[in-house]
Amino acid sequence: MTNLRNAAIVLAIAALVAFLPGGGTGAGVLITAVSLAFLAALGWIASLMYREHRSSLYSLGDGRRTALYVAFGVLALTLTATAQLWSTGLGSVAWLVLIGAGIYVSCAVLLAARRY
């Protein structure tokens, strides 16, 4: 019975979006708001993790810390540009290379830090 109720709720919301004037715009605004809230939560978690592990990050040294920050920046920019990069074949290859390089550098820095 619970599944039937949940399906009815989803169908009612879908009908509102489909048949009310401005329903699509309202849904777009809601999706944007949820996306921004998710990004804000990720930023908050990142700031908490930075504050918690600040001494570990500074103990990496300037070179490794710079490599880690650059890798995170490359990952963030690549994920932001996913739609544009996946629209062409060369862009898809570039996306894969950039994601792979960012993950590789991050893992290499973390493994080098754990070796000591």
N, C-alpha and C. Protein backbone atom coordinates (compact mmCIF):
# COMPACT_ATOMS: atom_id res chain seq x y z
N MET A 1 0.81 -1.19 0.00
CA MET A 1 0.00 0.00 0.00
C MET A 1 0.87 1.27 0.00
N THR A 2 2.02 1.20 0.69
CA THR A 2 2.91 2.36 0.74
C THR A 2 3.48 2.67 -0.64
N ASN A 3 3.83 1.63 -1.39
CA ASN A 3 4.36 1.85 -2.73
C ASN A 3 3.34 2.49 -3.64
N LEU A 4 2.09 2.08 -3.51
CA LEU A 4 1.02 2.67 -4.33
C LEU A 4 0.83 4.15 -3.99
N ARG A 5 0.89 4.46 -2.70
CA ARG A 5 0.77 5.86 -2.29
C ARG A 5 1.92 6.70 -2.83
N ASN A 6 3.15 6.18 -2.74
CA ASN A 6 4.31 6.90 -3.25
C ASN A 6 4.22 7.12 -4.76
N ALA A 7 3.76 6.11 -5.48
CA ALA A 7 3.60 6.25 -6.93
C ALA A 7 2.54 7.30 -7.25
N ALA A 8 1.47 7.35 -6.47
CA ALA A 8 0.43 8.36 -6.69
C ALA A 8 0.97 9.77 -6.43
N ILE A 9 1.81 9.91 -5.43
CA ILE A 9 2.40 11.22 -5.15
C ILE A 9 3.29 11.67 -6.30
N VAL A 10 4.11 10.75 -6.81
CA VAL A 10 4.99 11.09 -7.93
C VAL A 10 4.17 11.45 -9.16
N LEU A 11 3.12 10.70 -9.43
CA LEU A 11 2.26 11.00 -10.59
C LEU A 11 1.55 12.35 -10.42
N ALA A 12 1.14 12.69 -9.20
CA ALA A 12 0.49 13.98 -8.96
C ALA A 12 1.47 15.13 -9.20
N ILE A 13 2.69 14.98 -8.74
CA ILE A 13 3.69 16.03 -8.96
C ILE A 13 4.00 16.15 -10.45
N ALA A 14 4.12 15.03 -11.13
CA ALA A 14 4.37 15.06 -12.57
C ALA A 14 3.23 15.73 -13.32
N ALA A 15 1.99 15.49 -12.91
CA ALA A 15 0.84 16.13 -13.54
C ALA A 15 0.86 17.64 -13.31
N LEU A 16 1.24 18.05 -12.10
CA LEU A 16 1.33 19.49 -11.82
C LEU A 16 2.37 20.16 -12.72
N VAL A 17 3.52 19.51 -12.87
CA VAL A 17 4.57 20.08 -13.71
C VAL A 17 4.13 20.12 -15.17
N ALA A 18 3.46 19.08 -15.61
CA ALA A 18 3.09 18.98 -17.03
C ALA A 18 1.93 19.89 -17.41
N PHE A 19 0.95 20.06 -16.53
CA PHE A 19 -0.28 20.73 -16.94
C PHE A 19 -0.48 22.13 -16.38
N LEU A 20 0.20 22.51 -15.33
CA LEU A 20 0.06 23.87 -14.81
C LEU A 20 0.91 24.83 -15.62
N PRO A 21 0.40 26.05 -15.86
CA PRO A 21 1.22 27.04 -16.56
C PRO A 21 2.44 27.40 -15.71
N GLY A 22 3.59 27.34 -16.31
CA GLY A 22 4.82 27.64 -15.59
C GLY A 22 5.32 26.49 -14.74
N GLY A 23 4.74 25.31 -14.90
CA GLY A 23 5.17 24.16 -14.11
C GLY A 23 6.59 23.74 -14.43
N GLY A 24 6.95 23.81 -15.70
CA GLY A 24 8.30 23.45 -16.10
C GLY A 24 9.32 24.43 -15.56
N THR A 25 8.97 25.72 -15.57
CA THR A 25 9.86 26.74 -15.01
C THR A 25 10.01 26.56 -13.51
N GLY A 26 8.91 26.27 -12.85
CA GLY A 26 8.97 26.03 -11.41
C GLY A 26 9.83 24.82 -11.07
N ALA A 27 9.70 23.77 -11.88
CA ALA A 27 10.53 22.58 -11.66
C ALA A 27 12.00 22.90 -11.89
N GLY A 28 12.29 23.71 -12.90
CA GLY A 28 13.68 24.12 -13.15
C GLY A 28 14.25 24.91 -12.00
N VAL A 29 13.46 25.81 -11.43
CA VAL A 29 13.90 26.60 -10.28
C VAL A 29 14.16 25.68 -9.09
N LEU A 30 13.28 24.72 -8.88
CA LEU A 30 13.44 23.80 -7.76
C LEU A 30 14.70 22.95 -7.93
N ILE A 31 14.94 22.47 -9.13
CA ILE A 31 16.13 21.67 -9.38
C ILE A 31 17.39 22.50 -9.18
N THR A 32 17.36 23.76 -9.62
CA THR A 32 18.51 24.65 -9.42
C THR A 32 18.75 24.90 -7.94
N ALA A 33 17.67 25.10 -7.19
CA ALA A 33 17.81 25.34 -5.75
C ALA A 33 18.39 24.11 -5.05
N VAL A 34 17.92 22.93 -5.41
CA VAL A 34 18.45 21.70 -4.81
C VAL A 34 19.92 21.52 -5.18
N SER A 35 20.27 21.81 -6.44
CA SER A 35 21.66 21.69 -6.87
C SER A 35 22.57 22.65 -6.10
N LEU A 36 22.12 23.88 -5.92
CA LEU A 36 22.91 24.85 -5.17
C LEU A 36 23.05 24.45 -3.70
N ALA A 37 22.00 23.90 -3.13
CA ALA A 37 22.08 23.43 -1.75
C ALA A 37 23.07 22.28 -1.64
N PHE A 38 23.07 21.39 -2.62
CA PHE A 38 24.02 20.28 -2.63
C PHE A 38 25.45 20.78 -2.75
N LEU A 39 25.69 21.75 -3.63
CA LEU A 39 27.03 22.31 -3.78
C LEU A 39 27.47 23.04 -2.52
N ALA A 40 26.53 23.75 -1.87
CA ALA A 40 26.86 24.42 -0.62
C ALA A 40 27.24 23.40 0.46
N ALA A 41 26.52 22.28 0.50
CA ALA A 41 26.84 21.23 1.47
C ALA A 41 28.22 20.63 1.19
N LEU A 42 28.54 20.43 -0.09
CA LEU A 42 29.87 19.92 -0.44
C LEU A 42 30.96 20.91 -0.03
N GLY A 43 30.73 22.19 -0.25
CA GLY A 43 31.70 23.22 0.16
C GLY A 43 31.88 23.25 1.67
N TRP A 44 30.78 23.11 2.40
CA TRP A 44 30.85 23.10 3.85
C TRP A 44 31.64 21.90 4.34
N ILE A 45 31.38 20.72 3.76
CA ILE A 45 32.11 19.52 4.14
C ILE A 45 33.60 19.67 3.80
N ALA A 46 33.89 20.26 2.64
CA ALA A 46 35.29 20.47 2.25
C ALA A 46 35.99 21.40 3.25
N SER A 47 35.30 22.45 3.70
CA SER A 47 35.92 23.36 4.66
C SER A 47 36.14 22.67 6.01
N LEU A 48 35.20 21.82 6.42
CA LEU A 48 35.39 21.07 7.66
C LEU A 48 36.57 20.11 7.56
N MET A 49 36.66 19.42 6.43
CA MET A 49 37.77 18.48 6.23
C MET A 49 39.10 19.23 6.20
N TYR A 50 39.12 20.40 5.57
CA TYR A 50 40.36 21.19 5.53
C TYR A 50 40.78 21.59 6.93
N ARG A 51 39.82 22.09 7.72
CA ARG A 51 40.17 22.52 9.08
C ARG A 51 40.62 21.35 9.94
N GLU A 52 40.00 20.18 9.73
CA GLU A 52 40.35 19.02 10.54
C GLU A 52 41.73 18.47 10.19
N HIS A 53 42.11 18.56 8.92
CA HIS A 53 43.37 17.97 8.46
C HIS A 53 44.39 19.02 8.01
N ARG A 54 44.28 20.22 8.53
CA ARG A 54 45.17 21.30 8.13
C ARG A 54 46.63 20.98 8.41
N SER A 55 46.92 20.44 9.58
CA SER A 55 48.32 20.14 9.91
C SER A 55 48.88 19.04 9.01
N SER A 56 48.05 18.08 8.65
CA SER A 56 48.50 17.02 7.73
C SER A 56 48.80 17.60 6.36
N LEU A 57 47.96 18.53 5.92
CA LEU A 57 48.19 19.15 4.61
C LEU A 57 49.47 19.98 4.61
N TYR A 58 49.72 20.71 5.68
CA TYR A 58 50.94 21.51 5.72
C TYR A 58 52.19 20.64 5.85
N SER A 59 52.05 19.45 6.41
CA SER A 59 53.20 18.57 6.54
C SER A 59 53.58 17.90 5.22
N LEU A 60 52.74 18.03 4.20
CA LEU A 60 53.06 17.46 2.89
C LEU A 60 54.23 18.17 2.23
N GLY A 61 54.43 19.41 2.53
CA GLY A 61 55.45 20.20 1.84
C GLY A 61 54.79 21.00 0.72
N ASP A 62 55.51 22.01 0.26
CA ASP A 62 54.92 22.91 -0.73
C ASP A 62 54.63 22.23 -2.06
N GLY A 63 55.55 21.41 -2.54
CA GLY A 63 55.38 20.78 -3.85
C GLY A 63 54.21 19.83 -3.90
N ARG A 64 54.13 18.94 -2.92
CA ARG A 64 53.04 17.96 -2.91
C ARG A 64 51.70 18.63 -2.64
N ARG A 65 51.70 19.61 -1.74
CA ARG A 65 50.46 20.31 -1.44
C ARG A 65 49.96 21.06 -2.68
N THR A 66 50.87 21.69 -3.42
CA THR A 66 50.50 22.37 -4.66
C THR A 66 49.95 21.38 -5.67
N ALA A 67 50.60 20.23 -5.80
CA ALA A 67 50.12 19.21 -6.74
C ALA A 67 48.72 18.74 -6.35
N LEU A 68 48.48 18.56 -5.06
CA LEU A 68 47.16 18.12 -4.60
C LEU A 68 46.09 19.17 -4.89
N TYR A 69 46.40 20.43 -4.61
CA TYR A 69 45.43 21.50 -4.88
C TYR A 69 45.16 21.65 -6.37
N VAL A 70 46.20 21.55 -7.19
CA VAL A 70 46.01 21.65 -8.64
C VAL A 70 45.17 20.48 -9.13
N ALA A 71 45.41 19.28 -8.61
CA ALA A 71 44.62 18.11 -9.00
C ALA A 71 43.16 18.30 -8.64
N PHE A 72 42.88 18.81 -7.45
CA PHE A 72 41.49 19.06 -7.07
C PHE A 72 40.86 20.14 -7.95
N GLY A 73 41.64 21.16 -8.30
CA GLY A 73 41.12 22.20 -9.20
C GLY A 73 40.81 21.66 -10.58
N VAL A 74 41.71 20.81 -11.11
CA VAL A 74 41.48 20.20 -12.42
C VAL A 74 40.24 19.32 -12.39
N LEU A 75 40.08 18.55 -11.32
CA LEU A 75 38.89 17.71 -11.19
C LEU A 75 37.62 18.55 -11.13
N ALA A 76 37.65 19.63 -10.37
CA ALA A 76 36.46 20.48 -10.24
C ALA A 76 36.11 21.13 -11.58
N LEU A 77 37.10 21.67 -12.27
CA LEU A 77 36.83 22.32 -13.56
C LEU A 77 36.37 21.31 -14.61
N THR A 78 36.97 20.13 -14.60
CA THR A 78 36.58 19.11 -15.57
C THR A 78 35.16 18.64 -15.32
N LEU A 79 34.80 18.44 -14.07
CA LEU A 79 33.43 18.02 -13.77
C LEU A 79 32.43 19.13 -14.11
N THR A 80 32.85 20.37 -13.95
CA THR A 80 31.97 21.48 -14.30
C THR A 80 31.73 21.54 -15.81
N ALA A 81 32.74 21.22 -16.59
CA ALA A 81 32.65 21.31 -18.05
C ALA A 81 32.27 19.98 -18.70
N THR A 82 31.70 19.06 -17.95
CA THR A 82 31.39 17.73 -18.49
C THR A 82 30.48 17.81 -19.71
N ALA A 83 29.43 18.60 -19.65
CA ALA A 83 28.47 18.66 -20.77
C ALA A 83 29.15 19.15 -22.05
N GLN A 84 30.00 20.17 -21.94
CA GLN A 84 30.68 20.69 -23.11
C GLN A 84 31.72 19.71 -23.64
N LEU A 85 32.44 19.05 -22.75
CA LEU A 85 33.48 18.14 -23.19
C LEU A 85 32.91 16.87 -23.82
N TRP A 86 31.80 16.38 -23.31
CA TRP A 86 31.23 15.16 -23.85
C TRP A 86 30.49 15.39 -25.16
N SER A 87 30.37 16.63 -25.62
CA SER A 87 29.66 16.90 -26.88
C SER A 87 30.51 16.59 -28.10
N THR A 88 31.82 16.43 -27.95
CA THR A 88 32.69 16.09 -29.07
C THR A 88 33.54 14.87 -28.70
N GLY A 89 34.06 14.21 -29.71
CA GLY A 89 34.90 13.05 -29.47
C GLY A 89 36.21 13.40 -28.79
N LEU A 90 36.86 14.46 -29.28
CA LEU A 90 38.12 14.90 -28.68
C LEU A 90 37.90 15.39 -27.25
N GLY A 91 36.77 16.03 -27.03
CA GLY A 91 36.44 16.49 -25.68
C GLY A 91 36.23 15.33 -24.72
N SER A 92 35.64 14.25 -25.22
CA SER A 92 35.45 13.06 -24.38
C SER A 92 36.78 12.46 -23.97
N VAL A 93 37.71 12.41 -24.90
CA VAL A 93 39.05 11.90 -24.59
C VAL A 93 39.74 12.83 -23.60
N ALA A 94 39.62 14.14 -23.82
CA ALA A 94 40.23 15.11 -22.90
C ALA A 94 39.63 14.97 -21.50
N TRP A 95 38.31 14.76 -21.43
CA TRP A 95 37.65 14.59 -20.14
C TRP A 95 38.23 13.39 -19.41
N LEU A 96 38.35 12.27 -20.11
CA LEU A 96 38.89 11.06 -19.49
C LEU A 96 40.34 11.26 -19.04
N VAL A 97 41.14 11.92 -19.86
CA VAL A 97 42.54 12.16 -19.51
C VAL A 97 42.64 13.08 -18.29
N LEU A 98 41.85 14.15 -18.27
CA LEU A 98 41.91 15.09 -17.15
C LEU A 98 41.43 14.45 -15.85
N ILE A 99 40.34 13.70 -15.92
CA ILE A 99 39.85 13.02 -14.71
C ILE A 99 40.88 12.00 -14.23
N GLY A 100 41.41 11.22 -15.17
CA GLY A 100 42.42 10.23 -14.80
C GLY A 100 43.66 10.86 -14.19
N ALA A 101 44.12 11.97 -14.77
CA ALA A 101 45.31 12.65 -14.26
C ALA A 101 45.04 13.22 -12.86
N GLY A 102 43.88 13.81 -12.68
CA GLY A 102 43.54 14.37 -11.36
C GLY A 102 43.48 13.30 -10.29
N ILE A 103 42.87 12.17 -10.61
CA ILE A 103 42.78 11.08 -9.65
C ILE A 103 44.16 10.48 -9.38
N TYR A 104 44.95 10.32 -10.45
CA TYR A 104 46.30 9.76 -10.29
C TYR A 104 47.16 10.63 -9.39
N VAL A 105 47.17 11.94 -9.65
CA VAL A 105 48.01 12.84 -8.84
C VAL A 105 47.53 12.86 -7.40
N SER A 106 46.21 12.88 -7.18
CA SER A 106 45.68 12.87 -5.81
C SER A 106 46.10 11.61 -5.08
N CYS A 107 45.94 10.47 -5.74
CA CYS A 107 46.32 9.20 -5.10
C CYS A 107 47.83 9.12 -4.88
N ALA A 108 48.62 9.62 -5.83
CA ALA A 108 50.09 9.58 -5.68
C ALA A 108 50.52 10.42 -4.49
N VAL A 109 49.94 11.60 -4.32
CA VAL A 109 50.30 12.45 -3.18
C VAL A 109 49.89 11.80 -1.88
N LEU A 110 48.68 11.26 -1.83
CA LEU A 110 48.22 10.63 -0.59
C LEU A 110 49.02 9.39 -0.25
N LEU A 111 49.37 8.59 -1.24
CA LEU A 111 50.17 7.40 -0.97
C LEU A 111 51.59 7.78 -0.53
N ALA A 112 52.16 8.83 -1.14
CA ALA A 112 53.49 9.28 -0.73
C ALA A 112 53.45 9.81 0.71
N ALA A 113 52.37 10.46 1.09
CA ALA A 113 52.26 10.99 2.45
C ALA A 113 52.11 9.86 3.46
N ARG A 114 51.46 8.77 3.10
CA ARG A 114 51.26 7.65 4.02
C ARG A 114 52.50 6.78 4.16
N ARG A 115 53.44 6.92 3.24
CA ARG A 115 54.64 6.09 3.27
C ARG A 115 55.54 6.40 4.46
N TYR A 116 55.44 7.61 4.98
CA TYR A 116 56.32 8.01 6.09
C TYR A 116 55.80 7.55 7.39
